Amino acid sequence: MTMPCRSVERGASAVEYGLLVSGIAAVIAVAVYAFGGVAGEVSLDSCKHITSATGTTISTSCE
């Protein structure tokens, strides 16, 4: 008896979705690696601007 075609297609679909999710995860990892330093600098600059504009000291340091 041969295997129904539907179960084979279901397995192929699962593999395709797995590859798709892996590809998206790789793109996200590369983007975080590439832009991670820039994002850190932006948040540090924002913290310094807020501290200097308000003239208050924050209990945690900006760095």
Protein backbone atom coordinates (compact mmCIF):
# COMPACT_ATOMS: atom_id res chain seq x y z
CA MET A 1 0.00 0.00 0.00
CA THR A 2 1.35 3.42 -0.89
CA MET A 3 1.51 6.37 1.42
CA PRO A 4 -1.13 9.05 0.92
CA CYS A 5 0.20 12.12 -0.84
CA ARG A 6 -1.32 14.44 1.75
CA SER A 7 0.99 13.34 4.61
CA VAL A 8 4.07 13.83 2.44
CA GLU A 9 2.92 17.33 1.55
CA ARG A 10 2.32 18.12 5.22
CA GLY A 11 5.91 17.14 6.04
CA ALA A 12 7.22 19.23 3.17
CA SER A 13 5.20 22.22 4.36
CA ALA A 14 6.65 21.87 7.87
CA VAL A 15 10.18 21.83 6.45
CA GLU A 16 9.45 24.89 4.31
CA TYR A 17 8.08 26.81 7.31
CA GLY A 18 11.12 25.77 9.34
CA LEU A 19 13.44 27.10 6.66
CA LEU A 20 11.44 30.32 6.47
CA VAL A 21 11.63 30.85 10.23
CA SER A 22 15.38 30.09 10.19
CA GLY A 23 15.91 32.64 7.42
CA ILE A 24 13.98 35.33 9.28
CA ALA A 25 15.95 34.61 12.47
CA ALA A 26 19.22 34.94 10.54
CA VAL A 27 18.15 38.30 9.07
CA ILE A 28 17.19 39.57 12.54
CA ALA A 29 20.51 38.41 14.00
CA VAL A 30 22.48 40.19 11.27
CA ALA A 31 20.44 43.38 11.72
CA VAL A 32 20.98 43.39 15.49
CA TYR A 33 24.69 42.78 15.02
CA ALA A 34 24.97 45.52 12.38
CA PHE A 35 22.86 48.18 14.10
CA GLY A 36 23.39 47.23 17.76
CA GLY A 37 26.18 49.74 18.35
CA VAL A 38 24.26 52.55 16.69
CA ALA A 39 21.18 51.90 18.82
CA GLY A 40 23.30 51.90 21.98
CA GLU A 41 24.88 55.24 21.08
CA VAL A 42 21.48 56.79 20.34
CA SER A 43 20.04 55.72 23.69
CA LEU A 44 23.15 56.94 25.52
CA ASP A 45 22.94 60.33 23.79
CA SER A 46 19.24 60.57 24.66
CA CYS A 47 19.96 59.86 28.30
CA LYS A 48 22.65 62.54 28.40
CA HIS A 49 20.37 65.11 26.72
CA ILE A 50 17.51 64.41 29.13
CA THR A 51 19.81 64.68 32.13
CA SER A 52 21.35 67.97 30.97
CA ALA A 53 18.00 69.48 29.94
CA THR A 54 16.27 68.78 33.23
CA GLY A 55 19.26 69.62 35.39
CA THR A 56 18.47 66.68 37.63
CA THR A 57 20.63 63.78 38.57
CA ILE A 58 19.41 60.30 37.94
CA SER A 59 20.16 57.60 40.49
CA THR A 60 21.45 55.35 37.72
CA SER A 61 24.16 56.59 35.45
CA CYS A 62 23.63 56.99 31.70
CA GLU A 63 26.54 54.70 31.01
